[in-house]
Amino acid sequence: MTEFVFSPVTSLVFLISQISIVIVAVFLSAITIRAYKITHLKKMIFVIIAFSLFAISHTINYLDQAVVDIMPDDARYAMFGVVQVGIMMMFVLAILKK
């Protein structure tokens, strides 16, 4: 398999985007937690889980890519795919839950 070769500019854009995604996901999680405390809607729990999974998966992706190689790329891609499906399911459950 051919590995991707990133130029320094592309790598910097990737790192900035990962950090930005994590910051936004944590911010949205905090807003959703506050909304849950105010409304006590059970639907909000699914949204909190979804935003938290999103932040966790991108944190792992950032750490593995930029800081230290914590898992093989194949395992990271599989984990990322499974987490994305989980996130979609959480949003669907939040919409469908009565």
C-alpha atoms as a PDB file:
ATOM      1  CA  MET A   1       0.000   0.000   0.000  1.00  0.00           C
ATOM      2  CA  THR A   2       1.145   3.500  -0.749  1.00  0.00           C
ATOM      3  CA  GLU A   3       1.221   5.819   2.225  1.00  0.00           C
ATOM      4  CA  PHE A   4      -0.008   9.363   1.826  1.00  0.00           C
ATOM      5  CA  VAL A   5       2.726  11.953   1.762  1.00  0.00           C
ATOM      6  CA  PHE A   6       1.672  15.291   3.181  1.00  0.00           C
ATOM      7  CA  SER A   7       3.455  18.510   2.515  1.00  0.00           C
ATOM      8  CA  PRO A   8       4.135  20.674   5.581  1.00  0.00           C
ATOM      9  CA  VAL A   9       1.273  23.007   4.597  1.00  0.00           C
ATOM     10  CA  THR A  10      -1.229  20.148   4.187  1.00  0.00           C
ATOM     11  CA  SER A  11      -0.124  18.617   7.470  1.00  0.00           C
ATOM     12  CA  LEU A  12      -0.579  21.962   9.229  1.00  0.00           C
ATOM     13  CA  VAL A  13      -4.064  22.351   7.758  1.00  0.00           C
ATOM     14  CA  PHE A  14      -4.933  18.837   8.948  1.00  0.00           C
ATOM     15  CA  LEU A  15      -3.709  19.557  12.486  1.00  0.00           C
ATOM     16  CA  ILE A  16      -5.544  22.873  12.688  1.00  0.00           C
ATOM     17  CA  SER A  17      -8.747  21.292  11.385  1.00  0.00           C
ATOM     18  CA  GLN A  18      -8.560  18.429  13.904  1.00  0.00           C
ATOM     19  CA  ILE A  19      -8.000  20.808  16.812  1.00  0.00           C
ATOM     20  CA  SER A  20     -10.829  23.054  15.591  1.00  0.00           C
ATOM     21  CA  ILE A  21     -13.205  20.098  15.288  1.00  0.00           C
ATOM     22  CA  VAL A  22     -12.410  18.952  18.822  1.00  0.00           C
ATOM     23  CA  ILE A  23     -12.932  22.467  20.236  1.00  0.00           C
ATOM     24  CA  VAL A  24     -16.282  22.862  18.452  1.00  0.00           C
ATOM     25  CA  ALA A  25     -17.449  19.371  19.493  1.00  0.00           C
ATOM     26  CA  VAL A  26     -16.577  20.028  23.146  1.00  0.00           C
ATOM     27  CA  PHE A  27     -18.331  23.402  22.968  1.00  0.00           C
ATOM     28  CA  LEU A  28     -21.457  21.812  21.459  1.00  0.00           C
ATOM     29  CA  SER A  29     -21.361  19.082  24.109  1.00  0.00           C
ATOM     30  CA  ALA A  30     -21.253  21.721  26.831  1.00  0.00           C
ATOM     31  CA  ILE A  31     -24.176  23.613  25.291  1.00  0.00           C
ATOM     32  CA  THR A  32     -26.175  20.401  24.996  1.00  0.00           C
ATOM     33  CA  ILE A  33     -25.430  19.452  28.617  1.00  0.00           C
ATOM     34  CA  ARG A  34     -26.649  22.862  29.715  1.00  0.00           C
ATOM     35  CA  ALA A  35     -29.796  22.483  27.594  1.00  0.00           C
ATOM     36  CA  TYR A  36     -30.395  19.056  29.136  1.00  0.00           C
ATOM     37  CA  LYS A  37     -30.105  20.480  32.654  1.00  0.00           C
ATOM     38  CA  ILE A  38     -32.650  23.153  31.796  1.00  0.00           C
ATOM     39  CA  THR A  39     -35.186  21.026  29.854  1.00  0.00           C
ATOM     40  CA  HIS A  40     -34.558  17.483  31.184  1.00  0.00           C
ATOM     41  CA  LEU A  41     -35.399  16.059  27.749  1.00  0.00           C
ATOM     42  CA  LYS A  42     -34.144  12.475  27.460  1.00  0.00           C
ATOM     43  CA  LYS A  43     -33.432  13.079  23.757  1.00  0.00           C
ATOM     44  CA  MET A  44     -30.581  15.366  24.701  1.00  0.00           C
ATOM     45  CA  ILE A  45     -28.614  12.474  26.189  1.00  0.00           C
ATOM     46  CA  PHE A  46     -28.236  10.955  22.706  1.00  0.00           C
ATOM     47  CA  VAL A  47     -27.009  14.273  21.318  1.00  0.00           C
ATOM     48  CA  ILE A  48     -24.526  14.648  24.195  1.00  0.00           C
ATOM     49  CA  ILE A  49     -23.201  11.144  23.478  1.00  0.00           C
ATOM     50  CA  ALA A  50     -22.921  11.926  19.760  1.00  0.00           C
ATOM     51  CA  PHE A  51     -20.960  15.150  20.267  1.00  0.00           C
ATOM     52  CA  SER A  52     -18.739  13.459  22.853  1.00  0.00           C
ATOM     53  CA  LEU A  53     -17.993  10.550  20.504  1.00  0.00           C
ATOM     54  CA  PHE A  54     -17.170  13.061  17.797  1.00  0.00           C
ATOM     55  CA  ALA A  55     -14.704  14.888  20.073  1.00  0.00           C
ATOM     56  CA  ILE A  56     -13.127  11.629  21.273  1.00  0.00           C
ATOM     57  CA  SER A  57     -12.676  10.181  17.789  1.00  0.00           C
ATOM     58  CA  HIS A  58     -11.046  13.344  16.445  1.00  0.00           C
ATOM     59  CA  THR A  59      -8.847  13.619  19.529  1.00  0.00           C
ATOM     60  CA  ILE A  60      -7.606  10.069  18.946  1.00  0.00           C
ATOM     61  CA  ASN A  61      -7.110  10.843  15.257  1.00  0.00           C
ATOM     62  CA  TYR A  62      -5.097  13.971  16.118  1.00  0.00           C
ATOM     63  CA  LEU A  63      -2.993  12.219  18.758  1.00  0.00           C
ATOM     64  CA  ASP A  64      -2.257   9.282  16.489  1.00  0.00           C
ATOM     65  CA  GLN A  65      -1.368  11.442  13.511  1.00  0.00           C
ATOM     66  CA  ALA A  66       0.496  14.329  15.121  1.00  0.00           C
ATOM     67  CA  VAL A  67       1.755  13.368  18.562  1.00  0.00           C
ATOM     68  CA  VAL A  68       2.446   9.654  18.942  1.00  0.00           C
ATOM     69  CA  ASP A  69       1.523   6.593  16.906  1.00  0.00           C
ATOM     70  CA  ILE A  70      -0.856   4.882  19.343  1.00  0.00           C
ATOM     71  CA  MET A  71      -2.516   2.419  16.958  1.00  0.00           C
ATOM     72  CA  PRO A  72      -2.041   1.021  13.465  1.00  0.00           C
ATOM     73  CA  ASP A  73      -3.693   2.985  10.695  1.00  0.00           C
ATOM     74  CA  ASP A  74      -6.027   0.103   9.791  1.00  0.00           C
ATOM     75  CA  ALA A  75      -7.327  -0.080  13.358  1.00  0.00           C
ATOM     76  CA  ARG A  76      -7.728   3.706  13.487  1.00  0.00           C
ATOM     77  CA  TYR A  77      -9.688   3.749  10.217  1.00  0.00           C
ATOM     78  CA  ALA A  78     -11.941   0.936  11.447  1.00  0.00           C
ATOM     79  CA  MET A  79     -12.465   2.664  14.798  1.00  0.00           C
ATOM     80  CA  PHE A  80     -13.219   5.947  13.070  1.00  0.00           C
ATOM     81  CA  GLY A  81     -15.801   4.261  10.816  1.00  0.00           C
ATOM     82  CA  VAL A  82     -17.532   2.493  13.700  1.00  0.00           C
ATOM     83  CA  VAL A  83     -17.629   5.686  15.753  1.00  0.00           C
ATOM     84  CA  GLN A  84     -19.100   7.608  12.810  1.00  0.00           C
ATOM     85  CA  VAL A  85     -21.887   5.026  12.510  1.00  0.00           C
ATOM     86  CA  GLY A  86     -22.459   5.323  16.263  1.00  0.00           C
ATOM     87  CA  ILE A  87     -22.695   9.096  15.984  1.00  0.00           C
ATOM     88  CA  MET A  88     -25.246   8.836  13.190  1.00  0.00           C
ATOM     89  CA  MET A  89     -27.273   6.356  15.232  1.00  0.00           C
ATOM     90  CA  MET A  90     -27.254   8.686  18.238  1.00  0.00           C
ATOM     91  CA  PHE A  91     -28.628  11.531  16.133  1.00  0.00           C
ATOM     92  CA  VAL A  92     -31.294   9.261  14.637  1.00  0.00           C
ATOM     93  CA  LEU A  93     -32.288   8.071  18.121  1.00  0.00           C
ATOM     94  CA  ALA A  94     -32.458  11.682  19.294  1.00  0.00           C
ATOM     95  CA  ILE A  95     -34.834  12.493  16.447  1.00  0.00           C
ATOM     96  CA  LEU A  96     -37.004   9.378  16.803  1.00  0.00           C
ATOM     97  CA  LYS A  97     -37.124   9.172  20.625  1.00  0.00           C
ATOM     98  CA  LYS A  98     -40.442  10.290  22.115  1.00  0.00           C
END
